[in-house]
Amino acid sequence: MDTKVTIGLCVKNAARNVKTAFHSISIQDYPHKLIKLIIVVDGDKDNTLALALKFAQETDTCTLVKFNENKGLGSARQTVVDNAEGDYIIWIDDDFVLSRDFITNQVDFMEKNPNVGAACPKVIPTYKTTITMLETIGFLLPDPNPTFVGTGGSIFRLEAIKRVQGFDAKAVGAGEDWDISHRIAETGWTLASDNSALFYRKYPPSTLAALWKKHSWYGYGNHLLSHKFKENQPLLLAYYPPYAALGSLKSFRKLYRAVHKKEVFLLPLYTFFVGTAENFGFMKAHIDGYGHN
């Protein structure tokens, strides 16, 4: 295989975790001469930038480090796009633990499916604590025909990204991936799941405070999307706590049969909690005017 691929790593204050991503990249069995790594550091209150520059000097992978001064996630993603080489971009986060054949499998999947604009990998659940289990167990039931592809570990066809004029720089936080995958699908590309590419998060939220912070951030980003795509105004309803809790019952039996862990019985409480956090973030964004024209 001689297809060149870009890895996009967008980080902010990630000194605690980023070495995990560096290690995952360094052990890939895909030819390193065909990989271009672009690290975008979006503001730096710790020594993330220094760690990125050090890794760039030590690795045998062509690496470009860019510094964005708190311009937001949409701008950081677009910086990767503007400097990308090859046919594909694979997006990873600072705490991703990738299988050694992760890039190989992702590229092979896209080469065999030229109609696919973006494909998400298979996420391995983390069972370190009850909270991490509840946060990741849903990945045991991947959607074979996703309507949305997040950037976490996913591979995007560069042609598809450029056809929709890239990422929205106004998206300073979460939701930039939903936005672009939605626009990619609108132009006729297929969104898919690639179960051959495996990874897990080394540090998923393990406390209620961390869980609240993550999902309120998601809700904040959803407010921009609800204004940008009027047909998706029900986004708020989808995270209405009672609605979210009832929705979890649909997958309850399948998940319990898959893991046989009593913690699954807490899933409705978990979805109620994260739904409340999503709503809080959504309303905060409304008050802040984020997404308003």
C-alpha atoms as a PDB file:
ATOM      1  CA  MET A   1       0.000   0.000   0.000  1.00  0.00           C
ATOM      2  CA  ASP A   2       1.470   3.338  -1.075  1.00  0.00           C
ATOM      3  CA  THR A   3      -1.336   5.751  -0.175  1.00  0.00           C
ATOM      4  CA  LYS A   4      -0.222   8.808   1.764  1.00  0.00           C
ATOM      5  CA  VAL A   5      -2.311   9.726   4.807  1.00  0.00           C
ATOM      6  CA  THR A   6      -2.407  12.646   7.229  1.00  0.00           C
ATOM      7  CA  ILE A   7      -3.001  12.261  10.957  1.00  0.00           C
ATOM      8  CA  GLY A   8      -4.655  15.251  12.591  1.00  0.00           C
ATOM      9  CA  LEU A   9      -4.034  15.701  16.322  1.00  0.00           C
ATOM     10  CA  CYS A  10      -5.727  18.813  17.758  1.00  0.00           C
ATOM     11  CA  VAL A  11      -4.857  19.370  21.419  1.00  0.00           C
ATOM     12  CA  LYS A  12      -5.189  21.940  24.174  1.00  0.00           C
ATOM     13  CA  ASN A  13      -3.593  21.716  27.616  1.00  0.00           C
ATOM     14  CA  ALA A  14      -3.026  18.009  27.014  1.00  0.00           C
ATOM     15  CA  ALA A  15       0.387  17.481  28.610  1.00  0.00           C
ATOM     16  CA  ARG A  16      -1.013  14.790  30.920  1.00  0.00           C
ATOM     17  CA  ASN A  17      -2.265  12.597  28.068  1.00  0.00           C
ATOM     18  CA  VAL A  18      -0.590  13.475  24.794  1.00  0.00           C
ATOM     19  CA  LYS A  19       2.285  11.006  25.119  1.00  0.00           C
ATOM     20  CA  THR A  20      -0.343   8.276  24.801  1.00  0.00           C
ATOM     21  CA  ALA A  21      -1.208   9.504  21.308  1.00  0.00           C
ATOM     22  CA  PHE A  22       2.457   9.867  20.394  1.00  0.00           C
ATOM     23  CA  HIS A  23       3.103   6.252  21.360  1.00  0.00           C
ATOM     24  CA  SER A  24       0.085   5.012  19.376  1.00  0.00           C
ATOM     25  CA  ILE A  25       1.372   6.815  16.287  1.00  0.00           C
ATOM     26  CA  SER A  26       4.929   5.556  16.677  1.00  0.00           C
ATOM     27  CA  ILE A  27       3.934   1.866  16.784  1.00  0.00           C
ATOM     28  CA  GLN A  28       1.758   1.895  13.652  1.00  0.00           C
ATOM     29  CA  ASP A  29       2.626  -0.780  11.101  1.00  0.00           C
ATOM     30  CA  TYR A  30       1.648   1.539   8.240  1.00  0.00           C
ATOM     31  CA  PRO A  31       4.779   2.807   6.413  1.00  0.00           C
ATOM     32  CA  HIS A  32       5.873   5.865   8.382  1.00  0.00           C
ATOM     33  CA  LYS A  33       7.236   7.478   5.225  1.00  0.00           C
ATOM     34  CA  LEU A  34       3.616   7.665   3.985  1.00  0.00           C
ATOM     35  CA  ILE A  35       2.326   9.381   7.138  1.00  0.00           C
ATOM     36  CA  LYS A  36       2.227  13.101   7.779  1.00  0.00           C
ATOM     37  CA  LEU A  37       1.360  14.052  11.355  1.00  0.00           C
ATOM     38  CA  ILE A  38      -0.037  17.533  11.958  1.00  0.00           C
ATOM     39  CA  ILE A  39      -0.278  18.613  15.591  1.00  0.00           C
ATOM     40  CA  VAL A  40      -2.304  21.746  16.264  1.00  0.00           C
ATOM     41  CA  VAL A  41      -1.910  23.158  19.768  1.00  0.00           C
ATOM     42  CA  ASP A  42      -4.847  25.493  20.400  1.00  0.00           C
ATOM     43  CA  GLY A  43      -3.570  27.477  23.375  1.00  0.00           C
ATOM     44  CA  ASP A  44      -1.158  26.094  25.920  1.00  0.00           C
ATOM     45  CA  LYS A  45      -1.242  26.645  29.689  1.00  0.00           C
ATOM     46  CA  ASP A  46       0.940  23.603  30.332  1.00  0.00           C
ATOM     47  CA  ASN A  47       3.863  22.249  28.308  1.00  0.00           C
ATOM     48  CA  THR A  48       1.824  20.569  25.528  1.00  0.00           C
ATOM     49  CA  LEU A  49       3.561  22.620  22.842  1.00  0.00           C
ATOM     50  CA  ALA A  50       7.007  21.721  24.174  1.00  0.00           C
ATOM     51  CA  LEU A  51       6.104  18.017  24.215  1.00  0.00           C
ATOM     52  CA  ALA A  52       4.803  18.239  20.641  1.00  0.00           C
ATOM     53  CA  LEU A  53       7.976  19.929  19.404  1.00  0.00           C
ATOM     54  CA  LYS A  54      10.122  17.344  21.199  1.00  0.00           C
ATOM     55  CA  PHE A  55       8.181  14.471  19.626  1.00  0.00           C
ATOM     56  CA  ALA A  56       8.481  16.091  16.191  1.00  0.00           C
ATOM     57  CA  GLN A  57      12.276  16.039  16.548  1.00  0.00           C
ATOM     58  CA  GLU A  58      12.424  12.436  17.727  1.00  0.00           C
ATOM     59  CA  THR A  59       9.911  10.648  15.491  1.00  0.00           C
ATOM     60  CA  ASP A  60      10.642   9.145  12.079  1.00  0.00           C
ATOM     61  CA  THR A  61       7.230  10.395  10.901  1.00  0.00           C
ATOM     62  CA  CYS A  62       7.045  13.692   9.003  1.00  0.00           C
ATOM     63  CA  THR A  63       5.564  16.000  11.645  1.00  0.00           C
ATOM     64  CA  LEU A  64       4.304  19.575  11.494  1.00  0.00           C
ATOM     65  CA  VAL A  65       3.476  21.443  14.703  1.00  0.00           C
ATOM     66  CA  LYS A  66       1.210  24.478  14.468  1.00  0.00           C
ATOM     67  CA  PHE A  67       0.155  26.822  17.269  1.00  0.00           C
ATOM     68  CA  ASN A  68      -3.335  28.350  17.258  1.00  0.00           C
ATOM     69  CA  GLU A  69      -3.909  30.958  19.957  1.00  0.00           C
ATOM     70  CA  ASN A  70      -7.292  29.832  21.324  1.00  0.00           C
ATOM     71  CA  LYS A  71      -9.051  29.955  17.962  1.00  0.00           C
ATOM     72  CA  GLY A  72     -11.241  26.953  18.724  1.00  0.00           C
ATOM     73  CA  LEU A  73     -11.693  23.420  17.489  1.00  0.00           C
ATOM     74  CA  GLY A  74     -13.186  24.251  14.097  1.00  0.00           C
ATOM     75  CA  SER A  75     -10.207  26.446  13.248  1.00  0.00           C
ATOM     76  CA  ALA A  76      -7.758  23.817  14.548  1.00  0.00           C
ATOM     77  CA  ARG A  77      -9.330  21.119  12.351  1.00  0.00           C
ATOM     78  CA  GLN A  78      -9.159  23.412   9.340  1.00  0.00           C
ATOM     79  CA  THR A  79      -5.481  24.096  10.005  1.00  0.00           C
ATOM     80  CA  VAL A  80      -4.918  20.358   9.593  1.00  0.00           C
ATOM     81  CA  VAL A  81      -6.933  20.334   6.361  1.00  0.00           C
ATOM     82  CA  ASP A  82      -4.977  23.285   4.961  1.00  0.00           C
ATOM     83  CA  ASN A  83      -1.676  21.483   5.555  1.00  0.00           C
ATOM     84  CA  ALA A  84      -2.773  17.917   4.809  1.00  0.00           C
ATOM     85  CA  GLU A  85      -1.170  15.651   2.215  1.00  0.00           C
ATOM     86  CA  GLY A  86      -2.496  12.498   0.624  1.00  0.00           C
ATOM     87  CA  ASP A  87      -6.033  11.229   0.176  1.00  0.00           C
ATOM     88  CA  TYR A  88      -7.160  10.849   3.782  1.00  0.00           C
ATOM     89  CA  ILE A  89      -7.097  12.455   7.207  1.00  0.00           C
ATOM     90  CA  ILE A  90      -7.340  10.307  10.327  1.00  0.00           C
ATOM     91  CA  TRP A  91      -8.329  12.282  13.428  1.00  0.00           C
ATOM     92  CA  ILE A  92      -7.115  11.171  16.832  1.00  0.00           C
ATOM     93  CA  ASP A  93      -7.221  12.661  20.323  1.00  0.00           C
ATOM     94  CA  ASP A  94      -4.529  12.943  22.961  1.00  0.00           C
ATOM     95  CA  ASP A  95      -5.485   9.824  24.979  1.00  0.00           C
ATOM     96  CA  PHE A  96      -6.186   7.391  22.131  1.00  0.00           C
ATOM     97  CA  VAL A  97      -4.664   3.932  22.302  1.00  0.00           C
ATOM     98  CA  LEU A  98      -4.703   2.615  18.743  1.00  0.00           C
ATOM     99  CA  SER A  99      -4.241  -0.932  17.511  1.00  0.00           C
ATOM    100  CA  ARG A 100      -0.958  -1.347  15.610  1.00  0.00           C
ATOM    101  CA  ASP A 101      -2.853  -1.871  12.343  1.00  0.00           C
ATOM    102  CA  PHE A 102      -5.243   1.027  12.932  1.00  0.00           C
ATOM    103  CA  ILE A 103      -4.084   3.213  10.025  1.00  0.00           C
ATOM    104  CA  THR A 104      -3.600   0.223   7.727  1.00  0.00           C
ATOM    105  CA  ASN A 105      -7.152  -0.978   8.306  1.00  0.00           C
ATOM    106  CA  GLN A 106      -8.682   2.480   7.989  1.00  0.00           C
ATOM    107  CA  VAL A 107      -6.946   3.220   4.688  1.00  0.00           C
ATOM    108  CA  ASP A 108      -7.712  -0.257   3.331  1.00  0.00           C
ATOM    109  CA  PHE A 109     -11.405   0.220   4.159  1.00  0.00           C
ATOM    110  CA  MET A 110     -11.564   3.553   2.338  1.00  0.00           C
ATOM    111  CA  GLU A 111      -9.672   2.223  -0.695  1.00  0.00           C
ATOM    112  CA  LYS A 112     -12.225  -0.588  -0.994  1.00  0.00           C
ATOM    113  CA  ASN A 113     -15.171   1.800  -0.562  1.00  0.00           C
ATOM    114  CA  PRO A 114     -14.634   4.809  -2.850  1.00  0.00           C
ATOM    115  CA  ASN A 115     -18.176   6.063  -2.193  1.00  0.00           C
ATOM    116  CA  VAL A 116     -17.450   6.578   1.525  1.00  0.00           C
ATOM    117  CA  GLY A 117     -16.629  10.130   2.574  1.00  0.00           C
ATOM    118  CA  ALA A 118     -15.958   9.346   6.239  1.00  0.00           C
ATOM    119  CA  ALA A 119     -15.827   6.217   8.384  1.00  0.00           C
ATOM    120  CA  CYS A 120     -15.719   5.777  12.148  1.00  0.00           C
ATOM    121  CA  PRO A 121     -13.662   3.006  13.818  1.00  0.00           C
ATOM    122  CA  LYS A 122     -14.725   0.516  16.467  1.00  0.00           C
ATOM    123  CA  VAL A 123     -14.318   1.810  19.999  1.00  0.00           C
ATOM    124  CA  ILE A 124     -13.423  -0.693  22.708  1.00  0.00           C
ATOM    125  CA  PRO A 125     -15.327   0.037  25.961  1.00  0.00           C
ATOM    126  CA  THR A 126     -13.353   0.830  29.120  1.00  0.00           C
ATOM    127  CA  TYR A 127     -14.350  -0.937  32.339  1.00  0.00           C
ATOM    128  CA  LYS A 128     -12.016   0.775  34.816  1.00  0.00           C
ATOM    129  CA  THR A 129     -14.860   2.260  36.866  1.00  0.00           C
ATOM    130  CA  THR A 130     -18.654   2.214  36.763  1.00  0.00           C
ATOM    131  CA  ILE A 131     -18.665   5.686  35.197  1.00  0.00           C
ATOM    132  CA  THR A 132     -16.171   4.807  32.453  1.00  0.00           C
ATOM    133  CA  MET A 133     -18.138   1.655  31.707  1.00  0.00           C
ATOM    134  CA  LEU A 134     -21.438   3.519  31.398  1.00  0.00           C
ATOM    135  CA  GLU A 135     -19.780   6.188  29.256  1.00  0.00           C
ATOM    136  CA  THR A 136     -18.296   3.712  26.768  1.00  0.00           C
ATOM    137  CA  ILE A 137     -20.470   0.592  26.849  1.00  0.00           C
ATOM    138  CA  GLY A 138     -22.765   1.905  24.122  1.00  0.00           C
ATOM    139  CA  PHE A 139     -19.922   1.404  21.632  1.00  0.00           C
ATOM    140  CA  LEU A 140     -20.629  -2.326  21.810  1.00  0.00           C
ATOM    141  CA  LEU A 141     -23.620  -1.624  19.567  1.00  0.00           C
ATOM    142  CA  PRO A 142     -22.144   0.317  16.624  1.00  0.00           C
ATOM    143  CA  ASP A 143     -24.469   1.721  13.980  1.00  0.00           C
ATOM    144  CA  PRO A 144     -23.748  -0.031  10.649  1.00  0.00           C
ATOM    145  CA  ASN A 145     -25.273   2.947   8.805  1.00  0.00           C
ATOM    146  CA  PRO A 146     -24.338   6.021  10.846  1.00  0.00           C
ATOM    147  CA  THR A 147     -25.958   9.380  10.135  1.00  0.00           C
ATOM    148  CA  PHE A 148     -23.040  11.119  11.801  1.00  0.00           C
ATOM    149  CA  VAL A 149     -19.301  10.420  11.982  1.00  0.00           C
ATOM    150  CA  GLY A 150     -17.382  12.024  14.817  1.00  0.00           C
ATOM    151  CA  THR A 151     -13.752  12.973  14.409  1.00  0.00           C
ATOM    152  CA  GLY A 152     -12.605  10.691  17.240  1.00  0.00           C
ATOM    153  CA  GLY A 153     -10.483   8.089  15.457  1.00  0.00           C
ATOM    154  CA  SER A 154     -12.380   8.481  12.190  1.00  0.00           C
ATOM    155  CA  ILE A 155     -10.952   8.668   8.693  1.00  0.00           C
ATOM    156  CA  PHE A 156     -12.176  11.385   6.328  1.00  0.00           C
ATOM    157  CA  ARG A 157     -11.598  11.551   2.612  1.00  0.00           C
ATOM    158  CA  LEU A 158      -9.761  14.820   1.946  1.00  0.00           C
ATOM    159  CA  GLU A 159     -11.694  15.308  -1.290  1.00  0.00           C
ATOM    160  CA  ALA A 160     -14.983  15.111   0.634  1.00  0.00           C
ATOM    161  CA  ILE A 161     -13.812  17.691   3.190  1.00  0.00           C
ATOM    162  CA  LYS A 162     -12.676  20.118   0.512  1.00  0.00           C
ATOM    163  CA  ARG A 163     -15.875  19.685  -1.479  1.00  0.00           C
ATOM    164  CA  VAL A 164     -17.843  21.197   1.429  1.00  0.00           C
ATOM    165  CA  GLN A 165     -15.259  23.967   2.000  1.00  0.00           C
ATOM    166  CA  GLY A 166     -13.864  22.405   5.166  1.00  0.00           C
ATOM    167  CA  PHE A 167     -14.669  22.940   8.817  1.00  0.00           C
ATOM    168  CA  ASP A 168     -16.673  25.817  10.225  1.00  0.00           C
ATOM    169  CA  ALA A 169     -14.239  28.153  11.991  1.00  0.00           C
ATOM    170  CA  LYS A 170     -17.148  29.526  14.049  1.00  0.00           C
ATOM    171  CA  ALA A 171     -17.373  26.156  15.838  1.00  0.00           C
ATOM    172  CA  VAL A 172     -15.101  26.888  18.768  1.00  0.00           C
ATOM    173  CA  GLY A 173     -15.987  23.705  20.639  1.00  0.00           C
ATOM    174  CA  ALA A 174     -17.891  20.448  20.201  1.00  0.00           C
ATOM    175  CA  GLY A 175     -20.096  19.813  17.187  1.00  0.00           C
ATOM    176  CA  GLU A 176     -17.595  20.628  14.459  1.00  0.00           C
ATOM    177  CA  ASP A 177     -17.543  16.944  13.488  1.00  0.00           C
ATOM    178  CA  TRP A 178     -21.342  16.590  13.326  1.00  0.00           C
ATOM    179  CA  ASP A 179     -21.450  19.727  11.212  1.00  0.00           C
ATOM    180  CA  ILE A 180     -18.957  18.583   8.585  1.00  0.00           C
ATOM    181  CA  SER A 181     -20.114  14.957   8.398  1.00  0.00           C
ATOM    182  CA  HIS A 182     -23.682  16.212   7.901  1.00  0.00           C
ATOM    183  CA  ARG A 183     -22.562  18.464   5.044  1.00  0.00           C
ATOM    184  CA  ILE A 184     -20.454  15.661   3.530  1.00  0.00           C
ATOM    185  CA  ALA A 185     -23.480  13.345   3.523  1.00  0.00           C
ATOM    186  CA  GLU A 186     -25.609  16.065   1.909  1.00  0.00           C
ATOM    187  CA  THR A 187     -23.228  16.153  -1.076  1.00  0.00           C
ATOM    188  CA  GLY A 188     -23.783  12.451  -1.769  1.00  0.00           C
ATOM    189  CA  TRP A 189     -20.954  10.750   0.108  1.00  0.00           C
ATOM    190  CA  THR A 190     -21.741   7.718   2.277  1.00  0.00           C
ATOM    191  CA  LEU A 191     -20.939   7.650   6.013  1.00  0.00           C
ATOM    192  CA  ALA A 192     -19.814   4.273   7.325  1.00  0.00           C
ATOM    193  CA  SER A 193     -18.449   2.225  10.226  1.00  0.00           C
ATOM    194  CA  ASP A 194     -15.164   0.335   9.964  1.00  0.00           C
ATOM    195  CA  ASN A 195     -15.114  -2.419  12.583  1.00  0.00           C
ATOM    196  CA  SER A 196     -11.610  -3.530  11.613  1.00  0.00           C
ATOM    197  CA  ALA A 197      -9.943  -0.424  13.118  1.00  0.00           C
ATOM    198  CA  LEU A 198      -9.844  -0.643  16.922  1.00  0.00           C
ATOM    199  CA  PHE A 199      -8.982   1.857  19.643  1.00  0.00           C
ATOM    200  CA  TYR A 200      -9.926   2.891  23.148  1.00  0.00           C
ATOM    201  CA  ARG A 201      -9.647   6.007  25.258  1.00  0.00           C
ATOM    202  CA  LYS A 202      -7.093   5.671  28.015  1.00  0.00           C
ATOM    203  CA  TYR A 203      -8.663   8.404  30.134  1.00  0.00           C
ATOM    204  CA  PRO A 204     -12.444   8.578  29.605  1.00  0.00           C
ATOM    205  CA  PRO A 205     -14.388  10.578  32.236  1.00  0.00           C
ATOM    206  CA  SER A 206     -14.135   8.695  35.524  1.00  0.00           C
ATOM    207  CA  THR A 207     -15.933  11.079  37.879  1.00  0.00           C
ATOM    208  CA  LEU A 208     -19.341  12.738  37.824  1.00  0.00           C
ATOM    209  CA  ALA A 209     -17.652  16.133  37.598  1.00  0.00           C
ATOM    210  CA  ALA A 210     -15.671  15.072  34.512  1.00  0.00           C
ATOM    211  CA  LEU A 211     -18.776  13.515  32.982  1.00  0.00           C
ATOM    212  CA  TRP A 212     -20.740  16.729  33.547  1.00  0.00           C
ATOM    213  CA  LYS A 213     -17.983  18.869  32.049  1.00  0.00           C
ATOM    214  CA  LYS A 214     -17.748  16.734  28.911  1.00  0.00           C
ATOM    215  CA  HIS A 215     -21.471  16.526  28.192  1.00  0.00           C
ATOM    216  CA  SER A 216     -22.288  20.136  29.012  1.00  0.00           C
ATOM    217  CA  TRP A 217     -19.572  20.966  26.461  1.00  0.00           C
ATOM    218  CA  TYR A 218     -21.402  18.765  23.938  1.00  0.00           C
ATOM    219  CA  GLY A 219     -24.645  20.547  24.716  1.00  0.00           C
ATOM    220  CA  TYR A 220     -22.979  23.915  24.236  1.00  0.00           C
ATOM    221  CA  GLY A 221     -21.858  22.868  20.762  1.00  0.00           C
ATOM    222  CA  ASN A 222     -25.302  21.490  19.906  1.00  0.00           C
ATOM    223  CA  HIS A 223     -26.740  24.974  20.247  1.00  0.00           C
ATOM    224  CA  LEU A 224     -24.717  26.164  17.248  1.00  0.00           C
ATOM    225  CA  LEU A 225     -25.894  23.152  15.251  1.00  0.00           C
ATOM    226  CA  SER A 226     -29.555  23.730  16.111  1.00  0.00           C
ATOM    227  CA  HIS A 227     -29.328  27.210  14.591  1.00  0.00           C
ATOM    228  CA  LYS A 228     -27.192  26.221  11.640  1.00  0.00           C
ATOM    229  CA  PHE A 229     -29.402  23.297  10.642  1.00  0.00           C
ATOM    230  CA  LYS A 230     -33.004  24.253  11.299  1.00  0.00           C
ATOM    231  CA  GLU A 231     -34.212  20.748  10.506  1.00  0.00           C
ATOM    232  CA  ASN A 232     -32.316  19.574  13.590  1.00  0.00           C
ATOM    233  CA  GLN A 233     -34.132  21.709  16.148  1.00  0.00           C
ATOM    234  CA  PRO A 234     -35.144  18.461  17.981  1.00  0.00           C
ATOM    235  CA  LEU A 235     -31.508  18.184  19.160  1.00  0.00           C
ATOM    236  CA  LEU A 236     -32.598  19.656  22.484  1.00  0.00           C
ATOM    237  CA  LEU A 237     -35.422  17.116  22.858  1.00  0.00           C
ATOM    238  CA  ALA A 238     -33.012  14.248  22.192  1.00  0.00           C
ATOM    239  CA  TYR A 239     -31.134  15.187  25.365  1.00  0.00           C
ATOM    240  CA  TYR A 240     -34.178  16.028  27.475  1.00  0.00           C
ATOM    241  CA  PRO A 241     -33.357  13.959  30.599  1.00  0.00           C
ATOM    242  CA  PRO A 242     -36.536  11.812  30.853  1.00  0.00           C
ATOM    243  CA  TYR A 243     -36.519  11.271  27.083  1.00  0.00           C
ATOM    244  CA  ALA A 244     -32.843  10.263  27.139  1.00  0.00           C
ATOM    245  CA  ALA A 245     -33.389   7.865  30.045  1.00  0.00           C
ATOM    246  CA  LEU A 246     -36.306   6.164  28.291  1.00  0.00           C
ATOM    247  CA  GLY A 247     -34.276   5.942  25.094  1.00  0.00           C
ATOM    248  CA  SER A 248     -31.575   3.956  26.870  1.00  0.00           C
ATOM    249  CA  LEU A 249     -34.074   1.186  27.579  1.00  0.00           C
ATOM    250  CA  LYS A 250     -34.058   0.278  23.876  1.00  0.00           C
ATOM    251  CA  SER A 251     -30.499  -1.009  24.083  1.00  0.00           C
ATOM    252  CA  PHE A 252     -30.621  -2.174  27.708  1.00  0.00           C
ATOM    253  CA  ARG A 253     -31.209  -5.876  27.046  1.00  0.00           C
ATOM    254  CA  LYS A 254     -28.630  -6.133  24.258  1.00  0.00           C
ATOM    255  CA  LEU A 255     -25.945  -4.472  26.371  1.00  0.00           C
ATOM    256  CA  TYR A 256     -26.638  -6.644  29.402  1.00  0.00           C
ATOM    257  CA  ARG A 257     -26.472  -9.789  27.290  1.00  0.00           C
ATOM    258  CA  ALA A 258     -23.174  -8.590  25.850  1.00  0.00           C
ATOM    259  CA  VAL A 259     -21.374  -7.912  29.152  1.00  0.00           C
ATOM    260  CA  HIS A 260     -23.483  -9.489  31.945  1.00  0.00           C
ATOM    261  CA  LYS A 261     -22.525  -6.692  34.334  1.00  0.00           C
ATOM    262  CA  LYS A 262     -24.970  -5.418  36.932  1.00  0.00           C
ATOM    263  CA  GLU A 263     -23.772  -1.854  36.342  1.00  0.00           C
ATOM    264  CA  VAL A 264     -25.829  -1.851  33.145  1.00  0.00           C
ATOM    265  CA  PHE A 265     -28.900  -1.379  35.358  1.00  0.00           C
ATOM    266  CA  LEU A 266     -27.597   2.124  36.066  1.00  0.00           C
ATOM    267  CA  LEU A 267     -27.781   3.089  32.399  1.00  0.00           C
ATOM    268  CA  PRO A 268     -31.085   5.023  32.680  1.00  0.00           C
ATOM    269  CA  LEU A 269     -29.620   7.080  35.558  1.00  0.00           C
ATOM    270  CA  TYR A 270     -26.494   7.706  33.521  1.00  0.00           C
ATOM    271  CA  THR A 271     -28.432   8.913  30.481  1.00  0.00           C
ATOM    272  CA  PHE A 272     -30.618  11.118  32.702  1.00  0.00           C
ATOM    273  CA  PHE A 273     -27.480  12.693  34.165  1.00  0.00           C
ATOM    274  CA  VAL A 274     -25.713  13.314  30.861  1.00  0.00           C
ATOM    275  CA  GLY A 275     -28.973  14.533  29.330  1.00  0.00           C
ATOM    276  CA  THR A 276     -29.225  17.100  32.110  1.00  0.00           C
ATOM    277  CA  ALA A 277     -25.640  18.168  31.424  1.00  0.00           C
ATOM    278  CA  GLU A 278     -26.350  18.452  27.685  1.00  0.00           C
ATOM    279  CA  ASN A 279     -29.374  20.635  28.391  1.00  0.00           C
ATOM    280  CA  PHE A 280     -27.401  22.822  30.776  1.00  0.00           C
ATOM    281  CA  GLY A 281     -24.711  23.397  28.143  1.00  0.00           C
ATOM    282  CA  PHE A 282     -27.329  24.058  25.468  1.00  0.00           C
ATOM    283  CA  MET A 283     -29.073  26.708  27.571  1.00  0.00           C
ATOM    284  CA  LYS A 284     -25.774  28.303  28.554  1.00  0.00           C
ATOM    285  CA  ALA A 285     -24.871  28.641  24.875  1.00  0.00           C
ATOM    286  CA  HIS A 286     -28.265  30.226  24.235  1.00  0.00           C
ATOM    287  CA  ILE A 287     -27.670  32.759  27.000  1.00  0.00           C
ATOM    288  CA  ASP A 288     -24.177  33.451  25.654  1.00  0.00           C
ATOM    289  CA  GLY A 289     -25.568  33.873  22.141  1.00  0.00           C
ATOM    290  CA  TYR A 290     -23.327  31.159  20.711  1.00  0.00           C
ATOM    291  CA  GLY A 291     -24.712  30.230  17.316  1.00  0.00           C
ATOM    292  CA  HIS A 292     -27.046  33.202  17.043  1.00  0.00           C
ATOM    293  CA  ASN A 293     -26.758  35.143  13.805  1.00  0.00           C
END
